[in-house]
Protein backbone atom coordinates (compact mmCIF):
# COMPACT_ATOMS: atom_id res chain seq x y z
CA UNK A 1 19.01 17.16 -16.21
CA UNK A 2 21.64 15.01 -14.53
CA UNK A 3 21.91 17.34 -11.61
CA UNK A 4 18.15 17.48 -11.15
CA UNK A 5 17.89 13.68 -11.06
CA UNK A 6 20.83 13.41 -8.66
CA UNK A 7 19.33 16.19 -6.40
CA UNK A 8 16.00 14.30 -6.34
CA UNK A 9 17.77 11.09 -5.47
CA UNK A 10 19.68 12.79 -2.66
CA UNK A 11 16.50 14.40 -1.32
CA UNK A 12 14.58 11.03 -1.43
CA UNK A 13 17.49 9.22 0.30
CA UNK A 14 17.56 12.00 2.96
CA UNK A 15 13.92 11.58 3.78
CA UNK A 16 14.11 7.78 3.71
CA UNK A 17 17.16 7.85 6.12
CA UNK A 18 15.75 10.19 8.72
CA UNK A 19 12.44 8.40 8.72
CA UNK A 20 10.16 11.43 8.46
CA UNK A 21 6.59 11.14 7.04
CA UNK A 22 6.59 11.52 3.32
CA UNK A 23 5.78 14.83 1.84
CA UNK A 24 3.42 13.16 -0.67
CA UNK A 25 1.00 10.42 0.20
CA UNK A 26 -0.79 7.76 -1.71
CA UNK A 27 -1.64 8.62 -5.26
CA UNK A 28 0.43 11.89 -5.25
CA UNK A 29 3.56 9.98 -4.26
CA UNK A 30 2.98 7.29 -6.92
CA UNK A 31 2.71 9.99 -9.57
CA UNK A 32 5.77 11.91 -8.40
CA UNK A 33 7.75 8.76 -8.01
CA UNK A 34 6.85 7.57 -11.53
CA UNK A 35 7.86 10.95 -12.92
CA UNK A 36 11.10 10.85 -10.98
CA UNK A 37 11.83 7.32 -12.37
CA UNK A 38 11.16 8.58 -15.89
CA UNK A 39 13.56 11.45 -15.34
CA UNK A 40 16.26 9.23 -13.97
CA UNK A 41 15.98 6.70 -16.87
CA UNK A 42 16.02 9.61 -19.41
CA UNK A 43 19.13 10.99 -17.66
CA UNK A 44 20.74 7.55 -17.77
CA UNK A 45 20.18 7.27 -21.44
CA UNK A 46 21.55 10.70 -22.07
CA UNK A 47 24.79 10.19 -20.12
CA UNK A 48 25.06 6.50 -21.30
CA UNK A 49 25.20 7.86 -24.93
CA UNK A 50 28.03 10.16 -23.87
CA UNK A 51 29.87 7.19 -22.39
CA UNK A 52 29.76 8.12 -18.65
CA UNK A 53 29.05 4.58 -17.34
CA UNK A 54 29.36 5.06 -13.55
CA UNK A 55 26.76 7.94 -13.71
CA UNK A 56 24.63 5.90 -15.96
CA UNK A 57 24.54 2.93 -13.57
CA UNK A 58 23.82 5.20 -10.64
CA UNK A 59 20.84 6.79 -12.48
CA UNK A 60 19.54 3.41 -13.60
CA UNK A 61 19.59 2.20 -9.83
CA UNK A 62 17.82 5.42 -8.77
CA UNK A 63 15.22 5.02 -11.56
CA UNK A 64 14.61 1.44 -10.48
CA UNK A 65 14.13 2.48 -6.89
CA UNK A 66 11.65 5.23 -7.83
CA UNK A 67 9.88 2.81 -10.15
CA UNK A 68 9.56 0.17 -7.43
CA UNK A 69 8.19 2.71 -4.93
CA UNK A 70 5.61 3.91 -7.47
CA UNK A 71 4.33 0.34 -7.80
CA UNK A 72 3.65 -0.22 -4.15
CA UNK A 73 -0.06 -0.30 -3.31
CA UNK A 74 -1.45 2.48 -1.24
CA UNK A 75 -2.97 1.33 2.04
CA UNK A 76 -6.66 0.77 2.00
CA UNK A 77 -8.76 3.54 3.54
CA UNK A 78 -11.24 1.23 5.21
CA UNK A 79 -8.77 -1.22 6.48
CA UNK A 80 -9.65 -2.35 9.99
CA UNK A 81 -7.59 -1.43 13.00
CA UNK A 82 -5.80 -4.23 14.70
CA UNK A 83 -7.30 -3.50 18.07
CA UNK A 84 -10.89 -4.49 17.22
CA UNK A 85 -12.98 -5.37 20.31
CA UNK A 86 -15.19 -8.51 20.55
CA UNK A 87 -18.29 -6.25 20.78
CA UNK A 88 -17.29 -4.42 17.71
CA UNK A 89 -16.67 -7.67 15.81
CA UNK A 90 -20.08 -9.06 16.76
CA UNK A 91 -21.61 -5.75 15.63
CA UNK A 92 -19.99 -5.98 12.26
CA UNK A 93 -20.99 -9.57 11.62
CA UNK A 94 -24.44 -9.07 13.37
CA UNK A 95 -24.22 -11.97 15.68
CA UNK A 96 -25.15 -12.32 19.36
CA UNK A 97 -22.74 -12.63 22.26
CA UNK A 98 -23.23 -16.42 22.63
CA UNK A 99 -22.87 -17.18 18.88
CA UNK A 100 -21.23 -20.51 17.98
CA UNK A 101 -18.52 -20.98 15.40
CA UNK A 102 -21.04 -22.11 12.87
CA UNK A 103 -23.25 -18.95 13.44
CA UNK A 104 -20.16 -16.77 13.05
CA UNK A 105 -19.15 -18.49 9.85
CA UNK A 106 -22.61 -18.39 8.41
CA UNK A 107 -22.93 -14.68 9.13
CA UNK A 108 -19.60 -14.00 7.55
CA UNK A 109 -20.41 -16.10 4.47
CA UNK A 110 -23.73 -14.20 4.01
CA UNK A 111 -22.22 -10.74 4.39
CA UNK A 112 -19.11 -11.64 2.34
CA UNK A 113 -21.34 -12.60 -0.66
CA UNK A 114 -22.56 -9.05 -0.62
CA UNK A 115 -19.33 -7.18 0.28
CA UNK A 116 -16.69 -9.04 -1.72
CA UNK A 117 -14.87 -6.72 -4.13
CA UNK A 118 -15.58 -9.03 -7.07
CA UNK A 119 -19.25 -8.64 -6.38
CA UNK A 120 -19.32 -4.79 -6.20
CA UNK A 121 -18.16 -4.37 -2.51
CA UNK A 122 -15.04 -2.68 -1.42
CA UNK A 123 -11.76 -4.07 -0.28
CA UNK A 124 -12.02 -2.18 3.03
CA UNK A 125 -15.37 -3.73 3.90
CA UNK A 126 -14.13 -7.17 3.06
CA UNK A 127 -11.11 -6.64 5.23
CA UNK A 128 -13.34 -5.58 8.13
CA UNK A 129 -15.49 -8.69 7.72
CA UNK A 130 -12.28 -10.84 7.67
CA UNK A 131 -10.86 -9.14 10.77
CA UNK A 132 -14.22 -9.50 12.67
CA UNK A 133 -14.53 -13.23 11.77
CA UNK A 134 -10.87 -13.90 12.83
CA UNK A 135 -11.33 -11.94 16.08
CA UNK A 136 -14.54 -13.88 17.02
CA UNK A 137 -13.22 -17.31 15.99
CA UNK A 138 -9.96 -16.76 17.81
CA UNK A 139 -11.94 -15.92 21.08
CA UNK A 140 -13.78 -19.26 21.05
């Protein structure tokens, strides 16, 4: 068990250091990372009872790292791209080219009432509306 946990930690550190794309993405990584954290904590408890404190400390640190990576939120699928054009922002909010700041804010407010995640919308759509509003207001 100890060798399995240490091998997993070495493999994770290897991929982290070389900067490759992760083998598992999103929910799959969160599940695997949670399982690895559980294995590391179990191994730490086992060797801690036997009195091998340096190995116990190392396994607790590895377990905490895996647990912290399992808690990271996955990126939103509908998140807007940073390079949104003005025409695209106007299309999202449904405003004309010569719209004033008040028109932009009114369109944003009207759409956000429908698209807010608390009102049954999605976080991705709300993020697109926010990005479109910011893009149009910053261009004025």
